C-alpha cells in the first residue's frame, strides 16, 4: 500500500514540503 517518488537530478527549486494525497482532488 505504498507509493514512491524517486527524485533524481534534484535542483534547488525542488525544495519544498512534499505530500501525497488522492489526485487530482
PDBML (XML) file of the C-alpha atoms, coordinates in Angstrom:
<?xml version="1.0" encoding="UTF-8" ?>
<PDBx:datablock datablockName="MODEL"
   xmlns:PDBx="http://pdbml.pdb.org/schema/pdbx-v50.xsd"
   xmlns:xsi="http://www.w3.org/2001/XMLSchema-instance"
   xsi:schemaLocation="http://pdbml.pdb.org/schema/pdbx-v50.xsd pdbx-v50.xsd">
   <PDBx:atom_siteCategory>
      <PDBx:atom_site id="1">
         <PDBx:B_iso_or_equiv>0.00</PDBx:B_iso_or_equiv>
         <PDBx:Cartn_x>0.000</PDBx:Cartn_x>
         <PDBx:Cartn_y>0.000</PDBx:Cartn_y>
         <PDBx:Cartn_z>0.000</PDBx:Cartn_z>
         <PDBx:auth_asym_id>A</PDBx:auth_asym_id>
         <PDBx:auth_atom_id>CA</PDBx:auth_atom_id>
         <PDBx:auth_comp_id>UNK</PDBx:auth_comp_id>
         <PDBx:auth_seq_id>1</PDBx:auth_seq_id>
         <PDBx:group_PDB>ATOM</PDBx:group_PDB>
         <PDBx:label_alt_id xsi:nil="true" />
         <PDBx:label_asym_id>A</PDBx:label_asym_id>
         <PDBx:label_atom_id>CA</PDBx:label_atom_id>
         <PDBx:label_comp_id>UNK</PDBx:label_comp_id>
         <PDBx:label_entity_id>1</PDBx:label_entity_id>
         <PDBx:label_seq_id>1</PDBx:label_seq_id>
         <PDBx:occupancy>1.00</PDBx:occupancy>
         <PDBx:pdbx_PDB_model_num>1</PDBx:pdbx_PDB_model_num>
         <PDBx:type_symbol>C</PDBx:type_symbol>
      </PDBx:atom_site>
      <PDBx:atom_site id="2">
         <PDBx:B_iso_or_equiv>0.00</PDBx:B_iso_or_equiv>
         <PDBx:Cartn_x>2.902</PDBx:Cartn_x>
         <PDBx:Cartn_y>2.332</PDBx:Cartn_y>
         <PDBx:Cartn_z>-0.752</PDBx:Cartn_z>
         <PDBx:auth_asym_id>A</PDBx:auth_asym_id>
         <PDBx:auth_atom_id>CA</PDBx:auth_atom_id>
         <PDBx:auth_comp_id>UNK</PDBx:auth_comp_id>
         <PDBx:auth_seq_id>2</PDBx:auth_seq_id>
         <PDBx:group_PDB>ATOM</PDBx:group_PDB>
         <PDBx:label_alt_id xsi:nil="true" />
         <PDBx:label_asym_id>A</PDBx:label_asym_id>
         <PDBx:label_atom_id>CA</PDBx:label_atom_id>
         <PDBx:label_comp_id>UNK</PDBx:label_comp_id>
         <PDBx:label_entity_id>1</PDBx:label_entity_id>
         <PDBx:label_seq_id>2</PDBx:label_seq_id>
         <PDBx:occupancy>1.00</PDBx:occupancy>
         <PDBx:pdbx_PDB_model_num>1</PDBx:pdbx_PDB_model_num>
         <PDBx:type_symbol>C</PDBx:type_symbol>
      </PDBx:atom_site>
      <PDBx:atom_site id="3">
         <PDBx:B_iso_or_equiv>0.00</PDBx:B_iso_or_equiv>
         <PDBx:Cartn_x>3.526</PDBx:Cartn_x>
         <PDBx:Cartn_y>4.976</PDBx:Cartn_y>
         <PDBx:Cartn_z>-3.386</PDBx:Cartn_z>
         <PDBx:auth_asym_id>A</PDBx:auth_asym_id>
         <PDBx:auth_atom_id>CA</PDBx:auth_atom_id>
         <PDBx:auth_comp_id>UNK</PDBx:auth_comp_id>
         <PDBx:auth_seq_id>3</PDBx:auth_seq_id>
         <PDBx:group_PDB>ATOM</PDBx:group_PDB>
         <PDBx:label_alt_id xsi:nil="true" />
         <PDBx:label_asym_id>A</PDBx:label_asym_id>
         <PDBx:label_atom_id>CA</PDBx:label_atom_id>
         <PDBx:label_comp_id>UNK</PDBx:label_comp_id>
         <PDBx:label_entity_id>1</PDBx:label_entity_id>
         <PDBx:label_seq_id>3</PDBx:label_seq_id>
         <PDBx:occupancy>1.00</PDBx:occupancy>
         <PDBx:pdbx_PDB_model_num>1</PDBx:pdbx_PDB_model_num>
         <PDBx:type_symbol>C</PDBx:type_symbol>
      </PDBx:atom_site>
      <PDBx:atom_site id="4">
         <PDBx:B_iso_or_equiv>0.00</PDBx:B_iso_or_equiv>
         <PDBx:Cartn_x>7.111</PDBx:Cartn_x>
         <PDBx:Cartn_y>6.029</PDBx:Cartn_y>
         <PDBx:Cartn_z>-4.100</PDBx:Cartn_z>
         <PDBx:auth_asym_id>A</PDBx:auth_asym_id>
         <PDBx:auth_atom_id>CA</PDBx:auth_atom_id>
         <PDBx:auth_comp_id>UNK</PDBx:auth_comp_id>
         <PDBx:auth_seq_id>4</PDBx:auth_seq_id>
         <PDBx:group_PDB>ATOM</PDBx:group_PDB>
         <PDBx:label_alt_id xsi:nil="true" />
         <PDBx:label_asym_id>A</PDBx:label_asym_id>
         <PDBx:label_atom_id>CA</PDBx:label_atom_id>
         <PDBx:label_comp_id>UNK</PDBx:label_comp_id>
         <PDBx:label_entity_id>1</PDBx:label_entity_id>
         <PDBx:label_seq_id>4</PDBx:label_seq_id>
         <PDBx:occupancy>1.00</PDBx:occupancy>
         <PDBx:pdbx_PDB_model_num>1</PDBx:pdbx_PDB_model_num>
         <PDBx:type_symbol>C</PDBx:type_symbol>
      </PDBx:atom_site>
      <PDBx:atom_site id="5">
         <PDBx:B_iso_or_equiv>0.00</PDBx:B_iso_or_equiv>
         <PDBx:Cartn_x>8.595</PDBx:Cartn_x>
         <PDBx:Cartn_y>9.130</PDBx:Cartn_y>
         <PDBx:Cartn_z>-5.664</PDBx:Cartn_z>
         <PDBx:auth_asym_id>A</PDBx:auth_asym_id>
         <PDBx:auth_atom_id>CA</PDBx:auth_atom_id>
         <PDBx:auth_comp_id>UNK</PDBx:auth_comp_id>
         <PDBx:auth_seq_id>5</PDBx:auth_seq_id>
         <PDBx:group_PDB>ATOM</PDBx:group_PDB>
         <PDBx:label_alt_id xsi:nil="true" />
         <PDBx:label_asym_id>A</PDBx:label_asym_id>
         <PDBx:label_atom_id>CA</PDBx:label_atom_id>
         <PDBx:label_comp_id>UNK</PDBx:label_comp_id>
         <PDBx:label_entity_id>1</PDBx:label_entity_id>
         <PDBx:label_seq_id>5</PDBx:label_seq_id>
         <PDBx:occupancy>1.00</PDBx:occupancy>
         <PDBx:pdbx_PDB_model_num>1</PDBx:pdbx_PDB_model_num>
         <PDBx:type_symbol>C</PDBx:type_symbol>
      </PDBx:atom_site>
      <PDBx:atom_site id="6">
         <PDBx:B_iso_or_equiv>0.00</PDBx:B_iso_or_equiv>
         <PDBx:Cartn_x>12.124</PDBx:Cartn_x>
         <PDBx:Cartn_y>8.628</PDBx:Cartn_y>
         <PDBx:Cartn_z>-6.935</PDBx:Cartn_z>
         <PDBx:auth_asym_id>A</PDBx:auth_asym_id>
         <PDBx:auth_atom_id>CA</PDBx:auth_atom_id>
         <PDBx:auth_comp_id>UNK</PDBx:auth_comp_id>
         <PDBx:auth_seq_id>6</PDBx:auth_seq_id>
         <PDBx:group_PDB>ATOM</PDBx:group_PDB>
         <PDBx:label_alt_id xsi:nil="true" />
         <PDBx:label_asym_id>A</PDBx:label_asym_id>
         <PDBx:label_atom_id>CA</PDBx:label_atom_id>
         <PDBx:label_comp_id>UNK</PDBx:label_comp_id>
         <PDBx:label_entity_id>1</PDBx:label_entity_id>
         <PDBx:label_seq_id>6</PDBx:label_seq_id>
         <PDBx:occupancy>1.00</PDBx:occupancy>
         <PDBx:pdbx_PDB_model_num>1</PDBx:pdbx_PDB_model_num>
         <PDBx:type_symbol>C</PDBx:type_symbol>
      </PDBx:atom_site>
      <PDBx:atom_site id="7">
         <PDBx:B_iso_or_equiv>0.00</PDBx:B_iso_or_equiv>
         <PDBx:Cartn_x>13.681</PDBx:Cartn_x>
         <PDBx:Cartn_y>12.057</PDBx:Cartn_y>
         <PDBx:Cartn_z>-7.406</PDBx:Cartn_z>
         <PDBx:auth_asym_id>A</PDBx:auth_asym_id>
         <PDBx:auth_atom_id>CA</PDBx:auth_atom_id>
         <PDBx:auth_comp_id>UNK</PDBx:auth_comp_id>
         <PDBx:auth_seq_id>7</PDBx:auth_seq_id>
         <PDBx:group_PDB>ATOM</PDBx:group_PDB>
         <PDBx:label_alt_id xsi:nil="true" />
         <PDBx:label_asym_id>A</PDBx:label_asym_id>
         <PDBx:label_atom_id>CA</PDBx:label_atom_id>
         <PDBx:label_comp_id>UNK</PDBx:label_comp_id>
         <PDBx:label_entity_id>1</PDBx:label_entity_id>
         <PDBx:label_seq_id>7</PDBx:label_seq_id>
         <PDBx:occupancy>1.00</PDBx:occupancy>
         <PDBx:pdbx_PDB_model_num>1</PDBx:pdbx_PDB_model_num>
         <PDBx:type_symbol>C</PDBx:type_symbol>
      </PDBx:atom_site>
      <PDBx:atom_site id="8">
         <PDBx:B_iso_or_equiv>0.00</PDBx:B_iso_or_equiv>
         <PDBx:Cartn_x>16.899</PDBx:Cartn_x>
         <PDBx:Cartn_y>12.296</PDBx:Cartn_y>
         <PDBx:Cartn_z>-9.406</PDBx:Cartn_z>
         <PDBx:auth_asym_id>A</PDBx:auth_asym_id>
         <PDBx:auth_atom_id>CA</PDBx:auth_atom_id>
         <PDBx:auth_comp_id>UNK</PDBx:auth_comp_id>
         <PDBx:auth_seq_id>8</PDBx:auth_seq_id>
         <PDBx:group_PDB>ATOM</PDBx:group_PDB>
         <PDBx:label_alt_id xsi:nil="true" />
         <PDBx:label_asym_id>A</PDBx:label_asym_id>
         <PDBx:label_atom_id>CA</PDBx:label_atom_id>
         <PDBx:label_comp_id>UNK</PDBx:label_comp_id>
         <PDBx:label_entity_id>1</PDBx:label_entity_id>
         <PDBx:label_seq_id>8</PDBx:label_seq_id>
         <PDBx:occupancy>1.00</PDBx:occupancy>
         <PDBx:pdbx_PDB_model_num>1</PDBx:pdbx_PDB_model_num>
         <PDBx:type_symbol>C</PDBx:type_symbol>
      </PDBx:atom_site>
      <PDBx:atom_site id="9">
         <PDBx:B_iso_or_equiv>0.00</PDBx:B_iso_or_equiv>
         <PDBx:Cartn_x>18.990</PDBx:Cartn_x>
         <PDBx:Cartn_y>15.264</PDBx:Cartn_y>
         <PDBx:Cartn_z>-10.508</PDBx:Cartn_z>
         <PDBx:auth_asym_id>A</PDBx:auth_asym_id>
         <PDBx:auth_atom_id>CA</PDBx:auth_atom_id>
         <PDBx:auth_comp_id>UNK</PDBx:auth_comp_id>
         <PDBx:auth_seq_id>9</PDBx:auth_seq_id>
         <PDBx:group_PDB>ATOM</PDBx:group_PDB>
         <PDBx:label_alt_id xsi:nil="true" />
         <PDBx:label_asym_id>A</PDBx:label_asym_id>
         <PDBx:label_atom_id>CA</PDBx:label_atom_id>
         <PDBx:label_comp_id>UNK</PDBx:label_comp_id>
         <PDBx:label_entity_id>1</PDBx:label_entity_id>
         <PDBx:label_seq_id>9</PDBx:label_seq_id>
         <PDBx:occupancy>1.00</PDBx:occupancy>
         <PDBx:pdbx_PDB_model_num>1</PDBx:pdbx_PDB_model_num>
         <PDBx:type_symbol>C</PDBx:type_symbol>
      </PDBx:atom_site>
      <PDBx:atom_site id="10">
         <PDBx:B_iso_or_equiv>0.00</PDBx:B_iso_or_equiv>
         <PDBx:Cartn_x>17.496</PDBx:Cartn_x>
         <PDBx:Cartn_y>17.380</PDBx:Cartn_y>
         <PDBx:Cartn_z>-7.762</PDBx:Cartn_z>
         <PDBx:auth_asym_id>A</PDBx:auth_asym_id>
         <PDBx:auth_atom_id>CA</PDBx:auth_atom_id>
         <PDBx:auth_comp_id>UNK</PDBx:auth_comp_id>
         <PDBx:auth_seq_id>10</PDBx:auth_seq_id>
         <PDBx:group_PDB>ATOM</PDBx:group_PDB>
         <PDBx:label_alt_id xsi:nil="true" />
         <PDBx:label_asym_id>A</PDBx:label_asym_id>
         <PDBx:label_atom_id>CA</PDBx:label_atom_id>
         <PDBx:label_comp_id>UNK</PDBx:label_comp_id>
         <PDBx:label_entity_id>1</PDBx:label_entity_id>
         <PDBx:label_seq_id>10</PDBx:label_seq_id>
         <PDBx:occupancy>1.00</PDBx:occupancy>
         <PDBx:pdbx_PDB_model_num>1</PDBx:pdbx_PDB_model_num>
         <PDBx:type_symbol>C</PDBx:type_symbol>
      </PDBx:atom_site>
      <PDBx:atom_site id="11">
         <PDBx:B_iso_or_equiv>0.00</PDBx:B_iso_or_equiv>
         <PDBx:Cartn_x>17.596</PDBx:Cartn_x>
         <PDBx:Cartn_y>21.154</PDBx:Cartn_y>
         <PDBx:Cartn_z>-8.115</PDBx:Cartn_z>
         <PDBx:auth_asym_id>A</PDBx:auth_asym_id>
         <PDBx:auth_atom_id>CA</PDBx:auth_atom_id>
         <PDBx:auth_comp_id>UNK</PDBx:auth_comp_id>
         <PDBx:auth_seq_id>11</PDBx:auth_seq_id>
         <PDBx:group_PDB>ATOM</PDBx:group_PDB>
         <PDBx:label_alt_id xsi:nil="true" />
         <PDBx:label_asym_id>A</PDBx:label_asym_id>
         <PDBx:label_atom_id>CA</PDBx:label_atom_id>
         <PDBx:label_comp_id>UNK</PDBx:label_comp_id>
         <PDBx:label_entity_id>1</PDBx:label_entity_id>
         <PDBx:label_seq_id>11</PDBx:label_seq_id>
         <PDBx:occupancy>1.00</PDBx:occupancy>
         <PDBx:pdbx_PDB_model_num>1</PDBx:pdbx_PDB_model_num>
         <PDBx:type_symbol>C</PDBx:type_symbol>
      </PDBx:atom_site>
      <PDBx:atom_site id="12">
         <PDBx:B_iso_or_equiv>0.00</PDBx:B_iso_or_equiv>
         <PDBx:Cartn_x>17.332</PDBx:Cartn_x>
         <PDBx:Cartn_y>23.924</PDBx:Cartn_y>
         <PDBx:Cartn_z>-5.516</PDBx:Cartn_z>
         <PDBx:auth_asym_id>A</PDBx:auth_asym_id>
         <PDBx:auth_atom_id>CA</PDBx:auth_atom_id>
         <PDBx:auth_comp_id>UNK</PDBx:auth_comp_id>
         <PDBx:auth_seq_id>12</PDBx:auth_seq_id>
         <PDBx:group_PDB>ATOM</PDBx:group_PDB>
         <PDBx:label_alt_id xsi:nil="true" />
         <PDBx:label_asym_id>A</PDBx:label_asym_id>
         <PDBx:label_atom_id>CA</PDBx:label_atom_id>
         <PDBx:label_comp_id>UNK</PDBx:label_comp_id>
         <PDBx:label_entity_id>1</PDBx:label_entity_id>
         <PDBx:label_seq_id>12</PDBx:label_seq_id>
         <PDBx:occupancy>1.00</PDBx:occupancy>
         <PDBx:pdbx_PDB_model_num>1</PDBx:pdbx_PDB_model_num>
         <PDBx:type_symbol>C</PDBx:type_symbol>
      </PDBx:atom_site>
      <PDBx:atom_site id="13">
         <PDBx:B_iso_or_equiv>0.00</PDBx:B_iso_or_equiv>
         <PDBx:Cartn_x>13.895</PDBx:Cartn_x>
         <PDBx:Cartn_y>24.764</PDBx:Cartn_y>
         <PDBx:Cartn_z>-6.913</PDBx:Cartn_z>
         <PDBx:auth_asym_id>A</PDBx:auth_asym_id>
         <PDBx:auth_atom_id>CA</PDBx:auth_atom_id>
         <PDBx:auth_comp_id>UNK</PDBx:auth_comp_id>
         <PDBx:auth_seq_id>13</PDBx:auth_seq_id>
         <PDBx:group_PDB>ATOM</PDBx:group_PDB>
         <PDBx:label_alt_id xsi:nil="true" />
         <PDBx:label_asym_id>A</PDBx:label_asym_id>
         <PDBx:label_atom_id>CA</PDBx:label_atom_id>
         <PDBx:label_comp_id>UNK</PDBx:label_comp_id>
         <PDBx:label_entity_id>1</PDBx:label_entity_id>
         <PDBx:label_seq_id>13</PDBx:label_seq_id>
         <PDBx:occupancy>1.00</PDBx:occupancy>
         <PDBx:pdbx_PDB_model_num>1</PDBx:pdbx_PDB_model_num>
         <PDBx:type_symbol>C</PDBx:type_symbol>
      </PDBx:atom_site>
      <PDBx:atom_site id="14">
         <PDBx:B_iso_or_equiv>0.00</PDBx:B_iso_or_equiv>
         <PDBx:Cartn_x>12.701</PDBx:Cartn_x>
         <PDBx:Cartn_y>21.310</PDBx:Cartn_y>
         <PDBx:Cartn_z>-5.860</PDBx:Cartn_z>
         <PDBx:auth_asym_id>A</PDBx:auth_asym_id>
         <PDBx:auth_atom_id>CA</PDBx:auth_atom_id>
         <PDBx:auth_comp_id>UNK</PDBx:auth_comp_id>
         <PDBx:auth_seq_id>14</PDBx:auth_seq_id>
         <PDBx:group_PDB>ATOM</PDBx:group_PDB>
         <PDBx:label_alt_id xsi:nil="true" />
         <PDBx:label_asym_id>A</PDBx:label_asym_id>
         <PDBx:label_atom_id>CA</PDBx:label_atom_id>
         <PDBx:label_comp_id>UNK</PDBx:label_comp_id>
         <PDBx:label_entity_id>1</PDBx:label_entity_id>
         <PDBx:label_seq_id>14</PDBx:label_seq_id>
         <PDBx:occupancy>1.00</PDBx:occupancy>
         <PDBx:pdbx_PDB_model_num>1</PDBx:pdbx_PDB_model_num>
         <PDBx:type_symbol>C</PDBx:type_symbol>
      </PDBx:atom_site>
      <PDBx:atom_site id="15">
         <PDBx:B_iso_or_equiv>0.00</PDBx:B_iso_or_equiv>
         <PDBx:Cartn_x>12.975</PDBx:Cartn_x>
         <PDBx:Cartn_y>22.431</PDBx:Cartn_y>
         <PDBx:Cartn_z>-2.240</PDBx:Cartn_z>
         <PDBx:auth_asym_id>A</PDBx:auth_asym_id>
         <PDBx:auth_atom_id>CA</PDBx:auth_atom_id>
         <PDBx:auth_comp_id>UNK</PDBx:auth_comp_id>
         <PDBx:auth_seq_id>15</PDBx:auth_seq_id>
         <PDBx:group_PDB>ATOM</PDBx:group_PDB>
         <PDBx:label_alt_id xsi:nil="true" />
         <PDBx:label_asym_id>A</PDBx:label_asym_id>
         <PDBx:label_atom_id>CA</PDBx:label_atom_id>
         <PDBx:label_comp_id>UNK</PDBx:label_comp_id>
         <PDBx:label_entity_id>1</PDBx:label_entity_id>
         <PDBx:label_seq_id>15</PDBx:label_seq_id>
         <PDBx:occupancy>1.00</PDBx:occupancy>
         <PDBx:pdbx_PDB_model_num>1</PDBx:pdbx_PDB_model_num>
         <PDBx:type_symbol>C</PDBx:type_symbol>
      </PDBx:atom_site>
      <PDBx:atom_site id="16">
         <PDBx:B_iso_or_equiv>0.00</PDBx:B_iso_or_equiv>
         <PDBx:Cartn_x>9.526</PDBx:Cartn_x>
         <PDBx:Cartn_y>22.077</PDBx:Cartn_y>
         <PDBx:Cartn_z>-0.669</PDBx:Cartn_z>
         <PDBx:auth_asym_id>A</PDBx:auth_asym_id>
         <PDBx:auth_atom_id>CA</PDBx:auth_atom_id>
         <PDBx:auth_comp_id>UNK</PDBx:auth_comp_id>
         <PDBx:auth_seq_id>16</PDBx:auth_seq_id>
         <PDBx:group_PDB>ATOM</PDBx:group_PDB>
         <PDBx:label_alt_id xsi:nil="true" />
         <PDBx:label_asym_id>A</PDBx:label_asym_id>
         <PDBx:label_atom_id>CA</PDBx:label_atom_id>
         <PDBx:label_comp_id>UNK</PDBx:label_comp_id>
         <PDBx:label_entity_id>1</PDBx:label_entity_id>
         <PDBx:label_seq_id>16</PDBx:label_seq_id>
         <PDBx:occupancy>1.00</PDBx:occupancy>
         <PDBx:pdbx_PDB_model_num>1</PDBx:pdbx_PDB_model_num>
         <PDBx:type_symbol>C</PDBx:type_symbol>
      </PDBx:atom_site>
      <PDBx:atom_site id="17">
         <PDBx:B_iso_or_equiv>0.00</PDBx:B_iso_or_equiv>
         <PDBx:Cartn_x>7.389</PDBx:Cartn_x>
         <PDBx:Cartn_y>20.050</PDBx:Cartn_y>
         <PDBx:Cartn_z>1.693</PDBx:Cartn_z>
         <PDBx:auth_asym_id>A</PDBx:auth_asym_id>
         <PDBx:auth_atom_id>CA</PDBx:auth_atom_id>
         <PDBx:auth_comp_id>UNK</PDBx:auth_comp_id>
         <PDBx:auth_seq_id>17</PDBx:auth_seq_id>
         <PDBx:group_PDB>ATOM</PDBx:group_PDB>
         <PDBx:label_alt_id xsi:nil="true" />
         <PDBx:label_asym_id>A</PDBx:label_asym_id>
         <PDBx:label_atom_id>CA</PDBx:label_atom_id>
         <PDBx:label_comp_id>UNK</PDBx:label_comp_id>
         <PDBx:label_entity_id>1</PDBx:label_entity_id>
         <PDBx:label_seq_id>17</PDBx:label_seq_id>
         <PDBx:occupancy>1.00</PDBx:occupancy>
         <PDBx:pdbx_PDB_model_num>1</PDBx:pdbx_PDB_model_num>
         <PDBx:type_symbol>C</PDBx:type_symbol>
      </PDBx:atom_site>
      <PDBx:atom_site id="18">
         <PDBx:B_iso_or_equiv>0.00</PDBx:B_iso_or_equiv>
         <PDBx:Cartn_x>6.170</PDBx:Cartn_x>
         <PDBx:Cartn_y>17.018</PDBx:Cartn_y>
         <PDBx:Cartn_z>-0.215</PDBx:Cartn_z>
         <PDBx:auth_asym_id>A</PDBx:auth_asym_id>
         <PDBx:auth_atom_id>CA</PDBx:auth_atom_id>
         <PDBx:auth_comp_id>UNK</PDBx:auth_comp_id>
         <PDBx:auth_seq_id>18</PDBx:auth_seq_id>
         <PDBx:group_PDB>ATOM</PDBx:group_PDB>
         <PDBx:label_alt_id xsi:nil="true" />
         <PDBx:label_asym_id>A</PDBx:label_asym_id>
         <PDBx:label_atom_id>CA</PDBx:label_atom_id>
         <PDBx:label_comp_id>UNK</PDBx:label_comp_id>
         <PDBx:label_entity_id>1</PDBx:label_entity_id>
         <PDBx:label_seq_id>18</PDBx:label_seq_id>
         <PDBx:occupancy>1.00</PDBx:occupancy>
         <PDBx:pdbx_PDB_model_num>1</PDBx:pdbx_PDB_model_num>
         <PDBx:type_symbol>C</PDBx:type_symbol>
      </PDBx:atom_site>
      <PDBx:atom_site id="19">
         <PDBx:B_iso_or_equiv>0.00</PDBx:B_iso_or_equiv>
         <PDBx:Cartn_x>2.764</PDBx:Cartn_x>
         <PDBx:Cartn_y>15.467</PDBx:Cartn_y>
         <PDBx:Cartn_z>0.429</PDBx:Cartn_z>
         <PDBx:auth_asym_id>A</PDBx:auth_asym_id>
         <PDBx:auth_atom_id>CA</PDBx:auth_atom_id>
         <PDBx:auth_comp_id>UNK</PDBx:auth_comp_id>
         <PDBx:auth_seq_id>19</PDBx:auth_seq_id>
         <PDBx:group_PDB>ATOM</PDBx:group_PDB>
         <PDBx:label_alt_id xsi:nil="true" />
         <PDBx:label_asym_id>A</PDBx:label_asym_id>
         <PDBx:label_atom_id>CA</PDBx:label_atom_id>
         <PDBx:label_comp_id>UNK</PDBx:label_comp_id>
         <PDBx:label_entity_id>1</PDBx:label_entity_id>
         <PDBx:label_seq_id>19</PDBx:label_seq_id>
         <PDBx:occupancy>1.00</PDBx:occupancy>
         <PDBx:pdbx_PDB_model_num>1</PDBx:pdbx_PDB_model_num>
         <PDBx:type_symbol>C</PDBx:type_symbol>
      </PDBx:atom_site>
      <PDBx:atom_site id="20">
         <PDBx:B_iso_or_equiv>0.00</PDBx:B_iso_or_equiv>
         <PDBx:Cartn_x>0.777</PDBx:Cartn_x>
         <PDBx:Cartn_y>12.605</PDBx:Cartn_y>
         <PDBx:Cartn_z>-1.016</PDBx:Cartn_z>
         <PDBx:auth_asym_id>A</PDBx:auth_asym_id>
         <PDBx:auth_atom_id>CA</PDBx:auth_atom_id>
         <PDBx:auth_comp_id>UNK</PDBx:auth_comp_id>
         <PDBx:auth_seq_id>20</PDBx:auth_seq_id>
         <PDBx:group_PDB>ATOM</PDBx:group_PDB>
         <PDBx:label_alt_id xsi:nil="true" />
         <PDBx:label_asym_id>A</PDBx:label_asym_id>
         <PDBx:label_atom_id>CA</PDBx:label_atom_id>
         <PDBx:label_comp_id>UNK</PDBx:label_comp_id>
         <PDBx:label_entity_id>1</PDBx:label_entity_id>
         <PDBx:label_seq_id>20</PDBx:label_seq_id>
         <PDBx:occupancy>1.00</PDBx:occupancy>
         <PDBx:pdbx_PDB_model_num>1</PDBx:pdbx_PDB_model_num>
         <PDBx:type_symbol>C</PDBx:type_symbol>
      </PDBx:atom_site>
      <PDBx:atom_site id="21">
         <PDBx:B_iso_or_equiv>0.00</PDBx:B_iso_or_equiv>
         <PDBx:Cartn_x>-2.972</PDBx:Cartn_x>
         <PDBx:Cartn_y>12.554</PDBx:Cartn_y>
         <PDBx:Cartn_z>-1.462</PDBx:Cartn_z>
         <PDBx:auth_asym_id>A</PDBx:auth_asym_id>
         <PDBx:auth_atom_id>CA</PDBx:auth_atom_id>
         <PDBx:auth_comp_id>UNK</PDBx:auth_comp_id>
         <PDBx:auth_seq_id>21</PDBx:auth_seq_id>
         <PDBx:group_PDB>ATOM</PDBx:group_PDB>
         <PDBx:label_alt_id xsi:nil="true" />
         <PDBx:label_asym_id>A</PDBx:label_asym_id>
         <PDBx:label_atom_id>CA</PDBx:label_atom_id>
         <PDBx:label_comp_id>UNK</PDBx:label_comp_id>
         <PDBx:label_entity_id>1</PDBx:label_entity_id>
         <PDBx:label_seq_id>21</PDBx:label_seq_id>
         <PDBx:occupancy>1.00</PDBx:occupancy>
         <PDBx:pdbx_PDB_model_num>1</PDBx:pdbx_PDB_model_num>
         <PDBx:type_symbol>C</PDBx:type_symbol>
      </PDBx:atom_site>
      <PDBx:atom_site id="22">
         <PDBx:B_iso_or_equiv>0.00</PDBx:B_iso_or_equiv>
         <PDBx:Cartn_x>-5.634</PDBx:Cartn_x>
         <PDBx:Cartn_y>11.496</PDBx:Cartn_y>
         <PDBx:Cartn_z>-3.900</PDBx:Cartn_z>
         <PDBx:auth_asym_id>A</PDBx:auth_asym_id>
         <PDBx:auth_atom_id>CA</PDBx:auth_atom_id>
         <PDBx:auth_comp_id>UNK</PDBx:auth_comp_id>
         <PDBx:auth_seq_id>22</PDBx:auth_seq_id>
         <PDBx:group_PDB>ATOM</PDBx:group_PDB>
         <PDBx:label_alt_id xsi:nil="true" />
         <PDBx:label_asym_id>A</PDBx:label_asym_id>
         <PDBx:label_atom_id>CA</PDBx:label_atom_id>
         <PDBx:label_comp_id>UNK</PDBx:label_comp_id>
         <PDBx:label_entity_id>1</PDBx:label_entity_id>
         <PDBx:label_seq_id>22</PDBx:label_seq_id>
         <PDBx:occupancy>1.00</PDBx:occupancy>
         <PDBx:pdbx_PDB_model_num>1</PDBx:pdbx_PDB_model_num>
         <PDBx:type_symbol>C</PDBx:type_symbol>
      </PDBx:atom_site>
      <PDBx:atom_site id="23">
         <PDBx:B_iso_or_equiv>0.00</PDBx:B_iso_or_equiv>
         <PDBx:Cartn_x>-5.197</PDBx:Cartn_x>
         <PDBx:Cartn_y>13.159</PDBx:Cartn_y>
         <PDBx:Cartn_z>-7.260</PDBx:Cartn_z>
         <PDBx:auth_asym_id>A</PDBx:auth_asym_id>
         <PDBx:auth_atom_id>CA</PDBx:auth_atom_id>
         <PDBx:auth_comp_id>UNK</PDBx:auth_comp_id>
         <PDBx:auth_seq_id>23</PDBx:auth_seq_id>
         <PDBx:group_PDB>ATOM</PDBx:group_PDB>
         <PDBx:label_alt_id xsi:nil="true" />
         <PDBx:label_asym_id>A</PDBx:label_asym_id>
         <PDBx:label_atom_id>CA</PDBx:label_atom_id>
         <PDBx:label_comp_id>UNK</PDBx:label_comp_id>
         <PDBx:label_entity_id>1</PDBx:label_entity_id>
         <PDBx:label_seq_id>23</PDBx:label_seq_id>
         <PDBx:occupancy>1.00</PDBx:occupancy>
         <PDBx:pdbx_PDB_model_num>1</PDBx:pdbx_PDB_model_num>
         <PDBx:type_symbol>C</PDBx:type_symbol>
      </PDBx:atom_site>
      <PDBx:atom_site id="24">
         <PDBx:B_iso_or_equiv>0.00</PDBx:B_iso_or_equiv>
         <PDBx:Cartn_x>-6.275</PDBx:Cartn_x>
         <PDBx:Cartn_y>15.456</PDBx:Cartn_y>
         <PDBx:Cartn_z>-8.606</PDBx:Cartn_z>
         <PDBx:auth_asym_id>A</PDBx:auth_asym_id>
         <PDBx:auth_atom_id>CA</PDBx:auth_atom_id>
         <PDBx:auth_comp_id>UNK</PDBx:auth_comp_id>
         <PDBx:auth_seq_id>24</PDBx:auth_seq_id>
         <PDBx:group_PDB>ATOM</PDBx:group_PDB>
         <PDBx:label_alt_id xsi:nil="true" />
         <PDBx:label_asym_id>A</PDBx:label_asym_id>
         <PDBx:label_atom_id>CA</PDBx:label_atom_id>
         <PDBx:label_comp_id>UNK</PDBx:label_comp_id>
         <PDBx:label_entity_id>1</PDBx:label_entity_id>
         <PDBx:label_seq_id>24</PDBx:label_seq_id>
         <PDBx:occupancy>1.00</PDBx:occupancy>
         <PDBx:pdbx_PDB_model_num>1</PDBx:pdbx_PDB_model_num>
         <PDBx:type_symbol>C</PDBx:type_symbol>
      </PDBx:atom_site>
      <PDBx:atom_site id="25">
         <PDBx:B_iso_or_equiv>0.00</PDBx:B_iso_or_equiv>
         <PDBx:Cartn_x>-8.794</PDBx:Cartn_x>
         <PDBx:Cartn_y>16.270</PDBx:Cartn_y>
         <PDBx:Cartn_z>-5.867</PDBx:Cartn_z>
         <PDBx:auth_asym_id>A</PDBx:auth_asym_id>
         <PDBx:auth_atom_id>CA</PDBx:auth_atom_id>
         <PDBx:auth_comp_id>UNK</PDBx:auth_comp_id>
         <PDBx:auth_seq_id>25</PDBx:auth_seq_id>
         <PDBx:group_PDB>ATOM</PDBx:group_PDB>
         <PDBx:label_alt_id xsi:nil="true" />
         <PDBx:label_asym_id>A</PDBx:label_asym_id>
         <PDBx:label_atom_id>CA</PDBx:label_atom_id>
         <PDBx:label_comp_id>UNK</PDBx:label_comp_id>
         <PDBx:label_entity_id>1</PDBx:label_entity_id>
         <PDBx:label_seq_id>25</PDBx:label_seq_id>
         <PDBx:occupancy>1.00</PDBx:occupancy>
         <PDBx:pdbx_PDB_model_num>1</PDBx:pdbx_PDB_model_num>
         <PDBx:type_symbol>C</PDBx:type_symbol>
      </PDBx:atom_site>
   </PDBx:atom_siteCategory>
</PDBx:datablock>
